[in-house]
């Protein structure tokens, strides 16, 4: 019984350490570098969501390109 509690305590402690490191890193990455967005509907057809299917496409939005003004013709830009 004591061994199972020790294992559980070590596991919980390792989980908490990883959680408190991974969450700020993930939030910073998604805020500063890139984020994932879902494209639904017919507004971006035929480039995204071709064929009028009911499923949605997933795209990676690159924040660095916009900050450095490296947007070129043919790039997809997302506005909030």
Protein backbone atom coordinates (compact mmCIF):
# COMPACT_ATOMS: atom_id res chain seq x y z
CA UNK A 1 0.00 0.00 0.00
CA UNK A 2 2.80 2.43 0.89
CA UNK A 3 4.59 1.69 -2.38
CA UNK A 4 1.50 2.44 -4.45
CA UNK A 5 1.03 5.78 -2.67
CA UNK A 6 4.69 6.65 -3.24
CA UNK A 7 4.39 5.84 -6.95
CA UNK A 8 1.21 7.87 -7.22
CA UNK A 9 2.76 10.82 -5.41
CA UNK A 10 5.84 10.75 -7.70
CA UNK A 11 3.63 10.52 -10.78
CA UNK A 12 1.46 13.44 -9.65
CA UNK A 13 4.53 15.55 -8.83
CA UNK A 14 6.07 14.86 -12.27
CA UNK A 15 2.75 15.64 -13.95
CA UNK A 16 2.46 18.99 -12.13
CA UNK A 17 6.03 19.97 -13.04
CA UNK A 18 5.43 19.12 -16.69
CA UNK A 19 2.06 20.85 -16.73
CA UNK A 20 3.37 24.10 -15.25
CA UNK A 21 6.18 24.15 -17.81
CA UNK A 22 4.20 23.03 -20.87
CA UNK A 23 1.21 25.37 -20.51
CA UNK A 24 3.15 28.67 -20.53
CA UNK A 25 5.34 27.43 -23.38
CA UNK A 26 2.28 26.40 -25.43
CA UNK A 27 0.45 29.68 -24.74
CA UNK A 28 3.50 31.73 -25.72
CA UNK A 29 4.00 29.69 -28.89
CA UNK A 30 0.36 30.03 -29.94
CA UNK A 31 0.38 33.77 -29.19
CA UNK A 32 3.71 34.73 -30.75
CA UNK A 33 4.63 32.17 -33.43
CA UNK A 34 1.61 30.39 -34.89
CA UNK A 35 -1.87 29.15 -34.10
CA UNK A 36 -4.25 26.60 -35.50
CA UNK A 37 -7.56 27.69 -37.04
CA UNK A 38 -10.51 25.85 -38.53
CA UNK A 39 -11.97 26.94 -41.87
CA UNK A 40 -15.65 26.19 -42.36
CA UNK A 41 -18.10 27.13 -45.06
CA UNK A 42 -17.81 28.10 -48.70
CA UNK A 43 -15.95 31.40 -48.30
CA UNK A 44 -12.52 29.95 -49.15
CA UNK A 45 -13.52 27.46 -51.85
CA UNK A 46 -11.90 26.00 -53.94
CA UNK A 47 -8.59 26.54 -52.09
CA UNK A 48 -9.86 25.30 -48.75
CA UNK A 49 -12.77 22.95 -48.15
CA UNK A 50 -13.02 21.90 -51.81
CA UNK A 51 -16.06 20.23 -53.23
CA UNK A 52 -18.49 21.84 -50.81
CA UNK A 53 -18.11 19.04 -48.30
CA UNK A 54 -19.52 19.48 -44.82
CA UNK A 55 -16.14 18.90 -43.17
CA UNK A 56 -13.80 21.72 -42.16
CA UNK A 57 -10.13 22.24 -43.00
CA UNK A 58 -7.46 23.04 -40.43
CA UNK A 59 -4.77 25.63 -41.21
CA UNK A 60 -1.70 26.90 -39.38
CA UNK A 61 -1.61 30.70 -39.15
CA UNK A 62 1.94 32.09 -39.12
CA UNK A 63 2.17 35.22 -36.96
CA UNK A 64 5.81 35.97 -37.85
CA UNK A 65 5.08 36.54 -41.55
CA UNK A 66 2.55 39.24 -40.71
CA UNK A 67 4.79 40.93 -38.13
CA UNK A 68 7.66 41.15 -40.64
CA UNK A 69 5.35 42.27 -43.47
CA UNK A 70 6.26 39.23 -45.58
CA UNK A 71 2.76 38.76 -46.96
CA UNK A 72 2.78 38.02 -50.68
CA UNK A 73 0.19 37.63 -53.38
CA UNK A 74 -1.63 34.31 -53.03
CA UNK A 75 -1.18 34.06 -49.25
CA UNK A 76 -4.24 33.46 -47.12
CA UNK A 77 -4.76 36.15 -44.47
CA UNK A 78 -7.03 35.77 -41.48
CA UNK A 79 -8.58 38.75 -39.70
CA UNK A 80 -10.36 38.75 -36.38
